[in-house]
Amino acid sequence: MGCLMLLFAQPARSQQPALTLPSASERVHALSTLWMEATYNFAYFDNVPYLNWDSAYVAYIPKVQAVSTYYDYYKVLASFLNLLKDGHTNLNFPRALADVYSKPGIRLTCFENKPYITDVDRTLLDSVPIGAAITHVNGEPTIGYLEREVLPITESSVEAWRIRAAIEWHMLRFPKNTRVKLTIQLPKSGTRMVNLLNNSDNVKWVSGDKKEPLTVFNMLPNSIAYFAINTYGDPSVVDSLDKYMLMIRKAKGLVLDIRKNGGGNSDNGAEVLFRLTEQKKIIGSRWITRMHIASYRAWGMYAKENKDTSAEGRRVIPHYERTAWYNPKELGGTDADNLMISENNYTAERYQGPIVVLQSWKTGSAGEDFLIMLNQLDKKRATTLGEPTNGSTGQPLSILLSGNIWSRICTKRDTWANGRKFVGVGIAPDITVSVSAADYFAGKDSVLEKALSVIANQR
């Protein structure tokens, strides 16, 4: 069973005036909607055992009532939802705000929990060198700025990755055409203060304006094939793999790079795997989802009061306590009904040689589903190398809130087939390797280099 899990997909935009702050009652309704939908549908409350969701809701009512700007309204709702600490549960940055908020003409990458400048507008290159690190934002230490302004609105299932997501996705977003003062640590030595315009329209990046390709293929020295799949959201990635399969089959090793693969459709990941293994039945993740039967909840209250330990009591009390989960067996199904199983009907010649799969903290959703399938093969087929993954997958429920803001709540709980959790933890590689700032700016891909070494030792 395939699950469509596009990380940032959003339904079509409805027609509504932009940047109109909803009334106080509408704002409370939006907050209440998030509270209610999560209460009944969120799949990972056990990942935040310290959180009293009801108390948090009560505490946020005066906060959402007090806001005076559309942006602050967004921030309050986002910070409320991010109490759940889930990468598939978040507020999308509103399109209306995207028209009036911007970033300066620099791109950031996180190394060692610090924001490094990895690309700039060509007009800024003399004053903002690539390789500099940001130490202060408007006079405030960067970590303080992140903790106050950015981390509360940054979604992440793995806490260790939250600061990376904050730096690379949300940092330095300010009202368009205002200015931000940055203190930067220069690549060699010394510091510099720069005053940058918050407007990234018409930027000409030093690295070029090329869009990230869906796939990349190269033949490396010693007849090693390299194939990067940067998304599973487009079936053409499988067509691209087929285009190069003749060369790949002749290669002495294959490096499959999914470090930038944030998700898509897990069926496309299965199709990739079909070309690498002869195993006919591919076992993926197991999933469950919350279940609510209103009458069971009503009966469950009395059953709990009466300490009913009968089969009927055990059935209805979880509905009262909101801890009931969909169980296929109880509904006349089988244990396999909530297990992702893909039939391998690929008929062409497969690649039989050694494989190393590269993964990173950005490997998420359907990218992680691919790793689950790969790691659960009857016969080990590949060595995984890099960092633990994003630790976030599932099926989000999209909800439109007052003010034309889309939100998502994860409704599906995925685990390994045996029930072992990976959401909130990530999938660990066989060999842990990270790219340091020094290696990155020296043009050295230490993860890829280690992969080539592993293949050389397997031949």
Protein backbone atom coordinates (compact mmCIF):
# COMPACT_ATOMS: atom_id res chain seq x y z
CA MET A 1 0.00 0.00 0.00
CA GLY A 2 1.50 3.32 -1.03
CA CYS A 3 1.13 6.46 1.05
CA LEU A 4 1.41 9.92 -0.47
CA MET A 5 3.48 11.96 1.94
CA LEU A 6 4.61 15.20 0.37
CA LEU A 7 6.29 17.19 3.12
CA PHE A 8 5.06 20.61 2.08
CA ALA A 9 2.02 19.92 -0.05
CA GLN A 10 -0.88 22.31 0.44
CA PRO A 11 -4.41 22.29 -0.97
CA ALA A 12 -5.45 24.95 -3.45
CA ARG A 13 -5.65 28.48 -2.13
CA SER A 14 -9.11 29.76 -1.27
CA GLN A 15 -10.14 33.30 -2.05
CA GLN A 16 -9.78 35.51 1.03
CA PRO A 17 -8.34 38.99 1.62
CA ALA A 18 -4.65 38.81 2.42
CA LEU A 19 -3.23 39.89 5.80
CA THR A 20 -6.59 40.56 7.37
CA LEU A 21 -6.23 39.73 11.05
CA PRO A 22 -9.21 37.56 12.05
CA SER A 23 -11.33 38.74 14.94
CA ALA A 24 -10.56 37.61 18.49
CA SER A 25 -13.34 35.04 18.40
CA GLU A 26 -12.14 33.72 15.03
CA ARG A 27 -8.60 33.44 16.39
CA VAL A 28 -9.81 31.47 19.40
CA HIS A 29 -11.80 29.26 17.05
CA ALA A 30 -8.64 28.55 15.03
CA LEU A 31 -6.74 27.64 18.18
CA SER A 32 -9.65 25.48 19.34
CA THR A 33 -9.76 23.71 15.99
CA LEU A 34 -6.10 22.76 16.29
CA TRP A 35 -6.61 21.57 19.85
CA MET A 36 -9.68 19.50 18.96
CA GLU A 37 -8.27 17.93 15.78
CA ALA A 38 -5.03 16.98 17.50
CA THR A 39 -6.89 15.66 20.54
CA TYR A 40 -8.75 13.13 18.42
CA ASN A 41 -6.34 12.52 15.54
CA PHE A 42 -2.69 13.18 16.45
CA ALA A 43 -0.71 9.95 16.30
CA TYR A 44 2.31 10.66 18.49
CA PHE A 45 1.28 12.00 21.89
CA ASP A 46 3.57 9.40 23.46
CA ASN A 47 6.54 11.29 21.98
CA VAL A 48 5.69 14.25 24.24
CA PRO A 49 4.77 12.49 27.53
CA TYR A 50 5.43 15.63 29.56
CA LEU A 51 2.90 17.71 27.59
CA ASN A 52 -0.52 18.41 29.09
CA TRP A 53 -2.31 19.27 25.85
CA ASP A 54 -5.48 20.54 27.52
CA SER A 55 -3.54 22.85 29.84
CA ALA A 56 -1.49 24.14 26.92
CA TYR A 57 -4.70 24.97 25.06
CA VAL A 58 -6.05 26.96 28.01
CA ALA A 59 -2.73 28.82 28.36
CA TYR A 60 -2.74 29.79 24.67
CA ILE A 61 -6.26 31.28 24.61
CA PRO A 62 -5.15 34.67 26.04
CA LYS A 63 -2.06 34.60 23.79
CA VAL A 64 -4.08 34.27 20.61
CA GLN A 65 -6.59 36.84 21.84
CA ALA A 66 -3.82 39.37 22.52
CA VAL A 67 -2.09 39.39 19.13
CA SER A 68 -2.40 42.55 17.06
CA THR A 69 -0.79 41.51 13.76
CA TYR A 70 -1.38 38.72 11.27
CA TYR A 71 2.25 37.59 11.61
CA ASP A 72 2.00 37.30 15.40
CA TYR A 73 -1.25 35.36 14.95
CA TYR A 74 0.61 32.90 12.73
CA LYS A 75 3.48 32.63 15.23
CA VAL A 76 1.17 31.89 18.18
CA LEU A 77 -0.66 29.13 16.31
CA ALA A 78 2.60 27.70 14.97
CA SER A 79 4.23 27.64 18.39
CA PHE A 80 1.13 25.98 19.88
CA LEU A 81 1.14 23.22 17.27
CA ASN A 82 4.90 22.77 17.58
CA LEU A 83 4.45 21.79 21.22
CA LEU A 84 3.62 18.39 19.69
CA LYS A 85 7.16 18.20 18.25
CA ASP A 86 6.30 16.42 15.03
CA GLY A 87 7.66 17.11 11.57
CA HIS A 88 4.34 16.30 9.89
CA THR A 89 2.36 18.51 12.28
CA ASN A 90 2.80 22.20 11.61
CA LEU A 91 1.47 25.47 10.23
CA ASN A 92 2.44 26.24 6.65
CA PHE A 93 3.90 29.70 6.27
CA PRO A 94 0.93 31.67 4.88
CA ARG A 95 1.12 32.71 1.23
CA ALA A 96 -0.16 36.13 2.21
CA LEU A 97 2.87 36.60 4.47
CA ALA A 98 5.21 35.27 1.79
CA ASP A 99 4.29 38.33 -0.27
CA VAL A 100 5.33 40.81 2.43
CA TYR A 101 8.08 38.96 4.29
CA SER A 102 11.42 38.04 2.80
CA LYS A 103 15.01 37.13 3.57
CA PRO A 104 18.28 38.80 2.60
CA GLY A 105 20.15 37.47 -0.42
CA ILE A 106 22.06 34.77 1.42
CA ARG A 107 21.60 31.03 1.85
CA LEU A 108 22.43 29.25 5.08
CA THR A 109 23.56 25.76 5.96
CA CYS A 110 23.87 24.45 9.51
CA PHE A 111 27.17 22.94 10.61
CA GLU A 112 27.88 22.15 14.26
CA ASN A 113 24.60 23.95 15.13
CA LYS A 114 25.85 27.23 13.63
CA PRO A 115 24.52 29.09 10.55
CA TYR A 116 27.13 29.27 7.81
CA ILE A 117 26.67 31.30 4.63
CA THR A 118 26.89 28.90 1.69
CA ASP A 119 25.60 31.11 -1.13
CA VAL A 120 25.01 34.83 -1.69
CA ASP A 121 23.66 37.27 -4.19
CA ARG A 122 26.51 38.23 -6.52
CA THR A 123 26.18 41.85 -5.48
CA LEU A 124 26.97 40.90 -1.86
CA LEU A 125 30.00 38.69 -2.44
CA ASP A 126 32.58 41.36 -1.57
CA SER A 127 30.97 42.18 1.77
CA VAL A 128 29.48 38.77 2.70
CA PRO A 129 32.00 36.05 1.87
CA ILE A 130 30.88 32.47 1.44
CA GLY A 131 32.07 30.46 4.43
CA ALA A 132 31.31 33.15 7.02
CA ALA A 133 29.26 32.21 10.09
CA ILE A 134 26.56 34.42 11.61
CA THR A 135 27.27 35.19 15.27
CA HIS A 136 24.70 37.96 15.95
CA VAL A 137 21.37 39.06 14.47
CA ASN A 138 20.46 42.70 15.10
CA GLY A 139 22.97 42.73 17.95
CA GLU A 140 21.58 39.62 19.63
CA PRO A 141 23.64 36.40 19.83
CA THR A 142 22.42 34.03 17.15
CA ILE A 143 21.39 31.29 19.57
CA GLY A 144 19.28 33.76 21.56
CA TYR A 145 17.59 35.01 18.39
CA LEU A 146 16.89 31.44 17.29
CA GLU A 147 15.45 30.42 20.65
CA ARG A 148 13.22 33.48 20.84
CA GLU A 149 12.03 33.91 17.26
CA VAL A 150 12.68 30.81 15.17
CA LEU A 151 12.80 27.55 17.12
CA PRO A 152 9.23 27.93 18.50
CA ILE A 153 7.80 27.95 14.96
CA THR A 154 10.08 25.23 13.56
CA GLU A 155 8.60 21.76 13.19
CA SER A 156 10.77 18.70 13.85
CA SER A 157 10.23 15.23 15.24
CA VAL A 158 13.86 14.82 16.30
CA GLU A 159 14.96 17.53 18.71
CA ALA A 160 18.58 17.34 17.58
CA TRP A 161 17.49 18.33 14.06
CA ARG A 162 15.25 21.24 15.08
CA ILE A 163 18.05 23.80 15.08
CA ARG A 164 19.16 22.66 11.62
CA ALA A 165 15.64 23.08 10.29
CA ALA A 166 15.34 26.48 12.00
CA ILE A 167 18.56 27.74 10.42
CA GLU A 168 18.02 26.37 6.93
CA TRP A 169 14.26 26.91 6.57
CA HIS A 170 13.09 29.79 8.79
CA MET A 171 16.01 31.95 9.91
CA LEU A 172 16.25 35.62 8.85
CA ARG A 173 12.66 36.09 7.73
CA PHE A 174 11.69 39.74 8.21
CA PRO A 175 9.27 42.27 6.68
CA LYS A 176 10.24 42.82 3.08
CA ASN A 177 12.50 45.80 2.31
CA THR A 178 13.49 46.30 5.94
CA ARG A 179 17.12 45.77 6.87
CA VAL A 180 18.85 43.28 9.16
CA LYS A 181 22.21 43.82 10.87
CA LEU A 182 24.38 40.72 11.00
CA THR A 183 27.70 40.14 12.69
CA ILE A 184 29.64 37.50 10.78
CA GLN A 185 32.74 35.53 11.64
CA LEU A 186 34.92 35.73 8.55
CA PRO A 187 36.29 32.49 7.05
CA LYS A 188 39.93 33.20 7.90
CA SER A 189 39.82 35.48 10.93
CA GLY A 190 38.06 38.52 12.33
CA THR A 191 34.46 39.66 12.32
CA ARG A 192 32.44 42.08 10.25
CA MET A 193 29.07 43.80 10.60
CA VAL A 194 26.86 43.93 7.53
CA ASN A 195 23.52 45.64 6.97
CA LEU A 196 21.43 43.65 4.49
CA LEU A 197 18.17 44.37 2.70
CA ASN A 198 15.44 41.80 3.33
CA ASN A 199 14.46 41.18 -0.25
CA SER A 200 15.42 38.04 -2.13
CA ASP A 201 13.49 38.91 -5.30
CA ASN A 202 15.61 38.74 -8.46
CA VAL A 203 18.65 37.41 -6.61
CA LYS A 204 21.50 36.16 -8.79
CA TRP A 205 23.16 33.45 -6.74
CA VAL A 206 26.91 32.93 -6.97
CA SER A 207 26.26 29.19 -7.37
CA GLY A 208 23.87 29.83 -10.23
CA ASP A 209 20.10 29.75 -10.49
CA LYS A 210 19.69 26.09 -11.34
CA LYS A 211 16.77 24.28 -9.77
CA GLU A 212 17.60 21.21 -7.70
CA PRO A 213 17.33 18.27 -10.14
CA LEU A 214 15.09 15.34 -9.30
CA THR A 215 17.92 12.91 -9.96
CA VAL A 216 21.65 13.01 -10.70
CA PHE A 217 23.70 10.26 -12.38
CA ASN A 218 27.46 10.05 -12.71
CA MET A 219 30.01 7.35 -13.36
CA LEU A 220 32.79 7.74 -10.80
CA PRO A 221 36.34 6.39 -10.99
CA ASN A 222 36.85 2.62 -10.70
CA SER A 223 33.52 1.97 -12.44
CA ILE A 224 31.35 3.10 -9.52
CA ALA A 225 27.87 4.35 -10.45
CA TYR A 226 26.43 7.29 -8.50
CA PHE A 227 22.69 7.95 -8.56
CA ALA A 228 21.04 10.63 -6.41
CA ILE A 229 17.27 10.63 -5.89
CA ASN A 230 16.26 13.98 -4.38
CA THR A 231 12.54 13.20 -4.10
CA TYR A 232 10.10 10.33 -4.24
CA GLY A 233 7.33 12.77 -5.11
CA ASP A 234 7.63 12.31 -8.89
CA PRO A 235 7.38 8.92 -10.65
CA SER A 236 9.82 10.17 -13.28
CA VAL A 237 12.66 9.40 -10.85
CA VAL A 238 12.03 5.73 -11.57
CA ASP A 239 12.10 6.42 -15.32
CA SER A 240 15.39 8.22 -14.81
CA LEU A 241 16.83 5.20 -13.00
CA ASP A 242 15.69 2.94 -15.84
CA LYS A 243 17.45 5.21 -18.31
CA TYR A 244 20.78 4.43 -16.66
CA MET A 245 20.18 0.82 -15.61
CA LEU A 246 22.32 -0.62 -18.42
CA MET A 247 25.34 1.34 -17.18
CA ILE A 248 24.50 0.65 -13.53
CA ARG A 249 24.27 -3.11 -14.11
CA LYS A 250 27.80 -3.05 -15.53
CA ALA A 251 29.18 -0.99 -12.62
CA LYS A 252 31.34 -2.53 -9.90
CA GLY A 253 29.44 -0.65 -7.21
CA LEU A 254 26.47 1.68 -6.76
CA VAL A 255 26.18 4.71 -4.50
CA LEU A 256 22.51 5.59 -4.04
CA ASP A 257 22.26 9.08 -2.55
CA ILE A 258 18.99 10.02 -0.81
CA ARG A 259 20.47 12.66 1.51
CA LYS A 260 18.19 15.36 0.07
CA ASN A 261 15.12 13.14 -0.31
CA GLY A 262 12.44 14.65 1.94
CA GLY A 263 9.66 12.33 0.81
CA GLY A 264 6.94 11.86 -1.75
CA ASN A 265 5.21 8.62 -2.67
CA SER A 266 6.55 5.47 -1.04
CA ASP A 267 5.49 3.46 -4.10
CA ASN A 268 8.23 5.20 -6.07
CA GLY A 269 10.76 4.15 -3.45
CA ALA A 270 9.54 0.57 -3.73
CA GLU A 271 9.95 0.71 -7.52
CA VAL A 272 13.58 1.75 -7.04
CA LEU A 273 14.16 -1.14 -4.67
CA PHE A 274 12.60 -3.61 -7.12
CA ARG A 275 15.54 -2.96 -9.45
CA LEU A 276 18.05 -3.83 -6.73
CA THR A 277 16.69 -7.05 -5.20
CA GLU A 278 15.08 -10.26 -6.41
CA GLN A 279 12.95 -10.57 -3.27
CA LYS A 280 9.34 -10.81 -4.39
CA LYS A 281 7.54 -9.49 -1.34
CA ILE A 282 8.91 -6.24 0.08
CA ILE A 283 7.89 -5.49 3.66
CA GLY A 284 7.64 -1.85 4.66
CA SER A 285 6.40 -0.02 7.71
CA ARG A 286 3.48 -0.96 9.92
CA TRP A 287 0.90 1.72 10.56
CA ILE A 288 -1.91 2.37 12.99
CA THR A 289 -4.24 5.32 13.44
CA ARG A 290 -6.40 6.74 16.21
CA MET A 291 -9.95 5.45 16.47
CA HIS A 292 -12.96 7.15 18.03
CA ILE A 293 -16.39 5.57 18.41
CA ALA A 294 -18.69 7.98 20.22
CA SER A 295 -20.90 5.40 21.95
CA TYR A 296 -17.87 3.43 23.09
CA ARG A 297 -16.56 6.63 24.68
CA ALA A 298 -19.85 7.11 26.52
CA TRP A 299 -19.97 3.49 27.69
CA GLY A 300 -16.30 3.64 28.55
CA MET A 301 -16.89 6.35 31.15
CA TYR A 302 -19.24 4.09 33.11
CA ALA A 303 -17.02 1.05 32.59
CA LYS A 304 -14.05 2.91 34.05
CA GLU A 305 -16.07 4.22 37.01
CA ASN A 306 -17.22 0.65 37.71
CA LYS A 307 -13.70 -0.76 37.18
CA ASP A 308 -15.07 -3.12 34.55
CA THR A 309 -12.35 -5.64 33.58
CA SER A 310 -14.54 -7.68 31.23
CA ALA A 311 -13.79 -7.96 27.50
CA GLU A 312 -16.43 -5.32 26.85
CA GLY A 313 -14.91 -3.00 29.43
CA ARG A 314 -11.46 -3.44 27.94
CA ARG A 315 -12.91 -2.60 24.54
CA VAL A 316 -14.72 0.62 25.47
CA ILE A 317 -12.53 2.19 28.18
CA PRO A 318 -9.73 3.14 25.71
CA HIS A 319 -12.31 5.13 23.73
CA TYR A 320 -13.20 7.09 26.85
CA GLU A 321 -9.52 7.67 27.59
CA ARG A 322 -8.85 8.52 23.92
CA THR A 323 -6.23 5.79 23.68
CA ALA A 324 -8.03 3.53 21.19
CA TRP A 325 -6.24 2.55 17.98
CA TYR A 326 -7.46 1.01 14.76
CA ASN A 327 -6.92 -2.75 14.98
CA PRO A 328 -7.60 -4.67 11.75
CA LYS A 329 -8.19 -7.94 13.59
CA GLU A 330 -10.98 -6.43 15.68
CA LEU A 331 -12.68 -5.30 12.48
CA GLY A 332 -12.54 -8.67 10.77
CA GLY A 333 -9.25 -8.12 8.99
CA THR A 334 -5.79 -9.62 9.32
CA ASP A 335 -2.49 -8.57 10.81
CA ALA A 336 -1.24 -7.72 7.30
CA ASP A 337 -3.96 -5.13 6.70
CA ASN A 338 -1.90 -2.39 8.33
CA LEU A 339 1.48 -3.52 6.98
CA MET A 340 2.94 -1.95 3.86
CA ILE A 341 3.62 -4.84 1.46
CA SER A 342 4.82 -4.30 -2.11
CA GLU A 343 4.92 -7.03 -4.75
CA ASN A 344 8.12 -7.00 -6.79
CA ASN A 345 7.02 -7.69 -10.37
CA TYR A 346 10.05 -6.14 -12.06
CA THR A 347 10.99 -8.38 -15.00
CA ALA A 348 14.15 -6.80 -16.43
CA GLU A 349 17.68 -7.60 -15.28
CA ARG A 350 18.48 -6.21 -11.85
CA TYR A 351 21.65 -4.69 -10.47
CA GLN A 352 23.38 -7.37 -8.39
CA GLY A 353 26.55 -5.61 -7.17
CA PRO A 354 27.45 -3.87 -3.90
CA ILE A 355 25.40 -0.85 -2.82
CA VAL A 356 25.97 1.95 -0.37
CA VAL A 357 23.00 4.22 0.44
CA LEU A 358 23.73 7.75 1.65
CA GLN A 359 21.26 9.27 4.13
CA SER A 360 21.05 12.44 6.20
CA TRP A 361 18.83 14.40 8.56
CA LYS A 362 16.94 15.62 5.49
CA THR A 363 15.97 12.07 4.50
CA GLY A 364 12.37 11.92 5.62
CA SER A 365 8.87 10.61 5.07
CA ALA A 366 8.82 8.37 1.98
CA GLY A 367 12.62 8.57 1.99
CA GLU A 368 12.53 6.84 5.37
CA ASP A 369 9.92 4.39 4.10
CA PHE A 370 12.47 3.37 1.46
CA LEU A 371 15.09 2.72 4.15
CA ILE A 372 12.60 0.68 6.17
CA MET A 373 11.95 -1.55 3.14
CA LEU A 374 15.66 -1.79 2.36
CA ASN A 375 16.66 -2.67 5.91
CA GLN A 376 13.93 -5.30 6.26
CA LEU A 377 14.95 -7.36 3.23
CA ASP A 378 15.51 -11.02 4.05
CA LYS A 379 19.09 -10.70 2.79
CA LYS A 380 21.09 -7.55 3.55
CA ARG A 381 21.41 -5.70 0.26
CA ALA A 382 23.16 -2.43 1.09
CA THR A 383 25.29 -0.58 3.60
CA THR A 384 23.69 2.65 4.83
CA LEU A 385 25.99 5.56 5.57
CA GLY A 386 25.63 9.13 6.80
CA GLU A 387 23.45 10.57 9.58
CA PRO A 388 20.29 9.40 11.37
CA THR A 389 17.27 10.40 9.31
CA ASN A 390 14.62 13.07 9.88
CA GLY A 391 12.48 10.75 12.02
CA SER A 392 9.22 12.01 10.58
CA THR A 393 6.63 10.29 8.42
CA GLY A 394 2.90 9.66 8.40
CA GLN A 395 -0.28 10.96 6.80
CA PRO A 396 -1.05 14.61 7.59
CA LEU A 397 -4.60 15.92 7.85
CA SER A 398 -4.75 19.38 6.23
CA ILE A 399 -6.96 21.94 7.99
CA LEU A 400 -7.79 25.48 6.82
CA LEU A 401 -7.90 27.97 9.68
CA SER A 402 -9.28 31.48 10.01
CA GLY A 403 -7.05 33.89 8.12
CA ASN A 404 -6.49 31.46 5.25
CA ILE A 405 -3.71 29.58 7.04
CA TRP A 406 -3.23 25.90 6.30
CA SER A 407 -2.17 23.55 9.06
CA ARG A 408 -1.33 19.86 9.21
CA ILE A 409 -1.77 17.21 11.90
CA CYS A 410 -0.18 13.79 11.54
CA THR A 411 -2.84 11.10 11.77
CA LYS A 412 -0.89 7.94 10.95
CA ARG A 413 1.66 6.31 13.21
CA ASP A 414 4.37 4.41 11.36
CA THR A 415 6.83 1.94 12.86
CA TRP A 416 9.13 -0.83 11.69
CA ALA A 417 7.19 -3.98 10.83
CA ASN A 418 7.88 -5.38 14.31
CA GLY A 419 6.49 -2.24 15.97
CA ARG A 420 9.86 -0.62 16.78
CA LYS A 421 9.59 3.17 16.57
CA PHE A 422 11.59 5.46 14.32
CA VAL A 423 9.44 8.60 14.28
CA GLY A 424 10.97 10.95 16.82
CA VAL A 425 14.20 8.98 16.71
CA GLY A 426 15.26 8.63 13.09
CA ILE A 427 16.75 5.63 11.28
CA ALA A 428 20.39 5.18 12.18
CA PRO A 429 22.87 4.34 9.40
CA ASP A 430 25.20 1.36 9.54
CA ILE A 431 28.11 3.81 9.50
CA THR A 432 27.78 7.35 10.87
CA VAL A 433 29.57 10.06 8.90
CA SER A 434 28.83 13.80 8.66
CA VAL A 435 30.17 16.57 6.47
CA SER A 436 31.94 19.20 8.56
CA ALA A 437 32.01 22.90 7.72
CA ALA A 438 35.72 22.63 6.90
CA ASP A 439 35.13 19.74 4.49
CA TYR A 440 32.15 21.45 2.85
CA PHE A 441 33.97 24.68 2.09
CA ALA A 442 37.00 22.73 0.90
CA GLY A 443 34.74 20.97 -1.61
CA LYS A 444 35.18 17.62 0.12
CA ASP A 445 32.23 15.23 0.42
CA SER A 446 33.48 13.07 3.27
CA VAL A 447 30.28 10.97 3.22
CA LEU A 448 30.69 10.07 -0.44
CA GLU A 449 34.40 9.40 0.06
CA LYS A 450 33.60 6.95 2.87
CA ALA A 451 31.02 5.25 0.63
CA LEU A 452 33.62 4.68 -2.08
CA SER A 453 35.97 3.22 0.53
CA VAL A 454 33.25 0.84 1.75
CA ILE A 455 32.56 -0.38 -1.79
CA ALA A 456 36.26 -0.85 -2.47
CA ASN A 457 36.51 -3.09 0.60
CA GLN A 458 33.50 -5.14 -0.53
CA ARG A 459 34.82 -5.94 -3.99
